[in-house]
Amino acid sequence: MKKNIGTANAFIRIICGLTVLAVFTARYARRPYRGSYLLLIMMGAMKVAEGIVRFCPLTELFNRCNLFNQEDSSMLTNDKTDVNPS
């Protein structure tokens, strides 16, 4: 896995992920019947993991789609200039 986020971005993801994880774990402890808290706990844990390994799958997907679109547009526009024979 290639690192695709910077150090500052990783630090922000870890801090925000731990905050979300702590807040919604505390809320889930009071109201365990709320399923939305579990989703938010998993999202916070995912952000912590992304910050630790410095790899974000959504960033990778966006970069690949962007690269794919650039290749398609370069195939449509040739760098050859048409010369007027007259």
Protein backbone atom coordinates (compact mmCIF):
# COMPACT_ATOMS: atom_id res chain seq x y z
CA MET A 1 0.00 0.00 0.00
CA LYS A 2 1.39 3.32 -1.08
CA LYS A 3 0.96 6.33 1.21
CA ASN A 4 -1.37 8.87 -0.38
CA ILE A 5 -1.95 11.41 2.40
CA GLY A 6 0.52 13.74 4.04
CA THR A 7 1.71 13.89 7.63
CA ALA A 8 -0.45 16.88 8.61
CA ASN A 9 -3.52 15.30 7.01
CA ALA A 10 -2.82 12.05 8.85
CA PHE A 11 -2.48 13.88 12.16
CA ILE A 12 -5.79 15.68 11.60
CA ARG A 13 -7.50 12.38 10.72
CA ILE A 14 -6.21 10.74 13.89
CA ILE A 15 -7.30 13.62 16.13
CA CYS A 16 -10.76 13.94 14.53
CA GLY A 17 -11.24 10.18 14.43
CA LEU A 18 -10.39 9.79 18.11
CA THR A 19 -12.76 12.63 18.98
CA VAL A 20 -15.64 11.09 17.01
CA LEU A 21 -14.83 7.69 18.47
CA ALA A 22 -14.85 8.98 22.07
CA VAL A 23 -18.02 11.05 21.73
CA PHE A 24 -20.13 8.41 20.07
CA THR A 25 -18.81 5.57 22.22
CA ALA A 26 -19.97 7.53 25.27
CA ARG A 27 -23.35 8.17 23.66
CA TYR A 28 -23.67 4.53 22.63
CA ALA A 29 -22.99 3.44 26.22
CA ARG A 30 -26.01 5.46 27.36
CA ARG A 31 -28.31 4.45 24.49
CA PRO A 32 -27.23 1.07 23.07
CA TYR A 33 -30.41 0.72 21.01
CA ARG A 34 -29.37 3.49 18.59
CA GLY A 35 -27.85 1.91 15.48
CA SER A 36 -26.61 5.22 14.07
CA TYR A 37 -24.06 5.47 16.88
CA LEU A 38 -22.45 2.23 15.75
CA LEU A 39 -22.06 3.60 12.23
CA LEU A 40 -20.42 6.75 13.52
CA ILE A 41 -18.12 4.73 15.82
CA MET A 42 -16.98 2.70 12.82
CA MET A 43 -16.41 5.85 10.77
CA GLY A 44 -14.30 7.36 13.54
CA ALA A 45 -12.26 4.16 13.82
CA MET A 46 -11.78 4.16 10.05
CA LYS A 47 -10.41 7.72 10.15
CA VAL A 48 -7.97 6.77 12.92
CA ALA A 49 -6.79 3.78 10.88
CA GLU A 50 -6.39 5.94 7.75
CA GLY A 51 -4.27 8.39 9.72
CA ILE A 52 -2.07 5.66 11.18
CA VAL A 53 -1.34 3.89 7.88
CA ARG A 54 -1.50 7.16 5.85
CA PHE A 55 -3.64 5.58 3.15
CA CYS A 56 -7.14 6.69 2.20
CA PRO A 57 -9.09 4.43 -0.19
CA LEU A 58 -11.37 7.26 -1.33
CA THR A 59 -8.41 9.46 -2.22
CA GLU A 60 -6.90 6.57 -4.18
CA LEU A 61 -10.17 6.01 -6.03
CA PHE A 62 -10.48 9.72 -6.85
CA ASN A 63 -6.89 9.84 -8.14
CA ARG A 64 -7.42 6.79 -10.33
CA CYS A 65 -10.66 8.16 -11.80
CA ASN A 66 -8.99 11.51 -12.40
CA LEU A 67 -6.05 9.82 -14.13
CA PHE A 68 -8.46 7.72 -16.23
CA ASN A 69 -10.34 10.85 -17.32
CA GLN A 70 -7.10 12.61 -18.26
CA GLU A 71 -6.08 9.66 -20.44
CA ASP A 72 -9.44 9.70 -22.20
CA SER A 73 -9.27 13.42 -22.91
CA SER A 74 -5.72 13.14 -24.25
CA MET A 75 -6.84 10.40 -26.63
CA LEU A 76 -9.62 12.62 -27.97
CA THR A 77 -7.40 15.60 -28.66
CA ASN A 78 -4.35 14.72 -30.71
CA ASP A 79 -1.28 16.89 -30.41
CA LYS A 80 -0.92 16.83 -34.19
CA THR A 81 -1.78 20.11 -35.85
CA ASP A 82 -3.45 19.98 -39.22
CA VAL A 83 -1.51 21.76 -41.92
CA ASN A 84 -3.33 23.62 -44.62
CA PRO A 85 -1.91 22.33 -47.94
CA SER A 86 -2.75 25.48 -49.94
